[in-house]
Every structure is written in structure tokens, then in C-alpha cells.
Protein backbone atom coordinates (compact mmCIF):
# COMPACT_ATOMS: atom_id res chain seq x y z
CA MET A 1 -13.32 4.17 61.19
CA LYS A 2 -16.47 3.89 59.13
CA PHE A 3 -14.88 6.07 56.46
CA ILE A 4 -11.75 3.90 56.25
CA CYS A 5 -13.84 0.73 56.00
CA SER A 6 -15.90 2.18 53.17
CA ILE A 7 -12.71 3.15 51.30
CA LEU A 8 -11.25 -0.35 51.77
CA LEU A 9 -14.54 -1.90 50.63
CA PHE A 10 -14.59 0.36 47.53
CA ILE A 11 -10.97 -0.54 46.69
CA SER A 12 -11.62 -4.27 47.07
CA PHE A 13 -14.65 -4.11 44.73
CA SER A 14 -12.72 -1.97 42.25
CA ALA A 15 -9.76 -4.33 42.26
CA SER A 16 -11.96 -7.37 41.65
CA ALA A 17 -13.86 -5.78 38.76
CA GLN A 18 -12.94 -7.28 35.42
CA TYR A 19 -12.43 -5.17 32.36
CA SER A 20 -12.29 -6.50 28.86
CA LEU A 21 -10.70 -4.78 25.94
CA LYS A 22 -11.77 -5.47 22.41
CA VAL A 23 -9.01 -5.09 19.90
CA LYS A 24 -9.95 -4.80 16.26
CA LYS A 25 -7.50 -6.78 14.21
CA GLU A 26 -6.55 -4.99 11.01
CA ASP A 27 -3.90 -5.97 8.53
CA ASN A 28 -1.95 -2.74 8.03
CA ARG A 29 0.77 -4.25 5.91
CA PHE A 30 1.60 -2.46 2.68
CA LEU A 31 3.10 -4.94 0.24
CA PHE A 32 4.85 -4.29 -3.06
CA PHE A 33 7.15 -6.92 -4.51
CA GLN A 34 7.89 -8.88 -7.68
CA LYS A 35 6.55 -12.36 -8.21
CA GLY A 36 9.36 -14.84 -8.67
CA ILE A 37 12.96 -13.69 -8.90
CA LYS A 38 13.45 -10.16 -7.55
CA THR A 39 15.36 -8.02 -10.04
CA ASP A 40 15.57 -4.42 -11.25
CA THR A 41 15.23 -5.59 -14.86
CA ILE A 42 11.77 -5.99 -16.38
CA ILE A 43 11.51 -8.74 -19.00
CA LYS A 44 8.10 -9.30 -20.59
CA ASN A 45 6.37 -12.45 -19.25
CA LYS A 46 9.33 -13.24 -16.96
CA SER A 47 9.82 -10.53 -14.34
CA ASP A 48 6.90 -8.17 -15.01
CA LEU A 49 4.40 -9.38 -12.37
CA PHE A 50 4.10 -7.51 -9.08
CA TYR A 51 2.06 -8.00 -5.93
CA ILE A 52 0.48 -4.81 -4.63
CA LYS A 53 -1.55 -5.08 -1.43
CA LEU A 54 -2.89 -1.95 0.21
CA PRO A 55 -4.62 -2.11 3.61
CA ASP A 56 -8.09 -0.57 3.86
CA SER A 57 -6.72 2.12 6.17
CA LEU A 58 -4.31 3.34 3.47
CA LYS A 59 -6.28 2.80 0.24
CA ASN A 60 -7.59 6.37 0.15
CA ASN A 61 -4.14 7.83 0.93
CA ILE A 62 -1.88 6.05 -1.56
CA GLN A 63 -1.35 6.88 -5.19
CA ILE A 64 1.16 5.19 -7.50
CA PHE A 65 2.93 7.30 -10.15
CA LEU A 66 4.79 5.67 -13.05
CA LYS A 67 6.95 7.18 -15.77
CA ASN A 68 7.44 5.12 -18.95
CA GLY A 69 5.22 2.35 -17.63
CA GLN A 70 1.79 1.27 -16.48
CA PHE A 71 0.32 -1.42 -14.22
CA ILE A 72 -2.27 -3.67 -15.84
CA LYS A 73 -4.68 -5.59 -13.61
CA THR A 74 -4.59 -9.37 -13.92
CA ASP A 75 -7.20 -11.93 -12.89
CA THR A 76 -5.83 -11.94 -9.33
CA ASP A 77 -6.85 -9.01 -7.12
CA THR A 78 -3.34 -8.25 -5.83
CA LEU A 79 -1.27 -9.20 -8.91
CA TYR A 80 -0.43 -6.58 -11.57
CA ARG A 81 1.64 -6.68 -14.77
CA LEU A 82 4.10 -3.83 -15.29
CA ILE A 83 4.28 -2.90 -18.96
CA HIS A 84 6.65 -0.47 -20.65
CA ILE A 85 5.01 2.52 -22.37
CA SER A 86 7.81 4.85 -23.40
CA GLY A 87 7.17 8.57 -22.95
CA MET A 88 3.94 8.30 -20.93
CA LYS A 89 3.13 8.97 -17.25
CA TYR A 90 0.34 7.14 -15.43
CA SER A 91 -1.06 7.16 -11.92
CA HIS A 92 -2.94 4.41 -10.16
CA SER A 93 -5.12 4.41 -7.08
CA LYS A 94 -7.39 1.89 -5.43
CA PRO A 95 -9.76 3.75 -3.10
CA ASP A 96 -12.06 0.72 -2.94
CA SER A 97 -12.25 -2.50 -4.95
CA VAL A 98 -11.75 -0.65 -8.27
CA PHE A 99 -8.22 -0.12 -9.61
CA ASN A 100 -8.19 3.37 -11.16
CA THR A 101 -5.70 4.29 -13.89
CA LEU A 102 -5.21 7.88 -15.05
CA LEU A 103 -3.06 9.22 -17.87
CA GLU A 104 -0.97 11.96 -16.28
CA GLY A 105 0.74 13.19 -19.46
CA ASN A 106 4.03 12.62 -21.14
CA CYS A 107 7.62 12.35 -19.98
CA THR A 108 11.05 11.86 -21.50
CA PRO A 109 11.05 8.50 -23.32
CA SER A 110 13.37 6.02 -21.66
CA LYS A 111 14.09 2.33 -21.14
CA ASN A 112 13.72 2.98 -17.39
CA ILE A 113 10.40 2.73 -15.56
CA SER A 114 10.17 4.96 -12.50
CA ILE A 115 7.70 3.97 -9.76
CA GLU A 116 6.76 6.23 -6.87
CA PHE A 117 4.24 5.55 -4.10
CA ILE A 118 2.87 8.84 -2.72
CA ASN A 119 0.95 9.50 0.49
CA THR A 120 -1.75 11.89 -0.77
CA LYS A 121 -2.30 13.41 2.68
CA THR A 122 1.30 14.51 3.13
CA GLN A 123 2.29 14.55 -0.58
CA GLY A 124 5.43 12.70 0.47
CA ALA A 125 6.90 9.72 -1.35
CA PHE A 126 7.42 6.69 0.85
CA LEU A 127 8.66 4.26 -1.80
CA LYS A 128 10.58 4.87 -5.03
CA ASN A 129 12.25 2.51 -7.47
CA ILE A 130 13.57 2.46 -11.02
CA PHE A 131 13.38 -0.63 -13.23
CA ILE A 132 15.30 -1.21 -16.46
CA VAL A 133 13.31 -2.60 -19.40
CA LYS A 134 14.83 -5.24 -21.70
């Protein structure tokens, strides 16, 4: 009887104990979109601005590869201008607050800009798009 009472007493104390969980809120959204009208045609000073927002958890694992184009940083931290540079390949990364640009070599000159977001851990592309330059 004493044993059963001690078990019931233990269960009642355990059931009344309060546990709190702390959840760290992190914004894991990866954003890439055009400012203004969304189109696959790049026109200088009209449709060449893009928002790129990388969460801290992905900054070290994402690299952007461009053929026939390059992103240029603007005054705003998440806004970049896409410019056409025919025949050149560039890569961009942002491991911290610095936006790194590397010349990757040359490619076939074209009026199309190819953009590819690569996960550097898996070497897999998770976003690809082609824009036409006018």
C-alpha cells in the first residue's frame, strides 16, 4: 500500500510540474523576386531591380551563378541591379554582410541572362531562371 501511495504521489507531482519551451524565432525565408512588374524581360532602369534575401542559416550554403549578367549592389541591403555583360560568367555569395562577386570566366555571348542558385553543400540547384535582355 505504501508503494502504491508513493507512486501516486510521484505521478501527481510529475503531472503538476510545468515545463517551458523556448523557441528561437528565425526567419528562414529565401526571397528572390523582381521589384515592380514581374517579367522575364530585363529592360535597363525598368525591370532590372531584384530583391534577394538570404536567411542567416543559408548564407554560407548559397551561391548565385550568372551567365551573361551580374548583380550590382544598390544602396539597399536586399536590392540588387541585374546588368547584362555578354560573354561573362559571375558568381555571387553573401556569407556575412559582405556581397562577394567573383569572375568565373567566359561563356557563349547571348541576349539571355541565366541565373542559378546553388546549394554549396549538396551542389544541387534549387532555383533556375533565364531572362531576356532588351
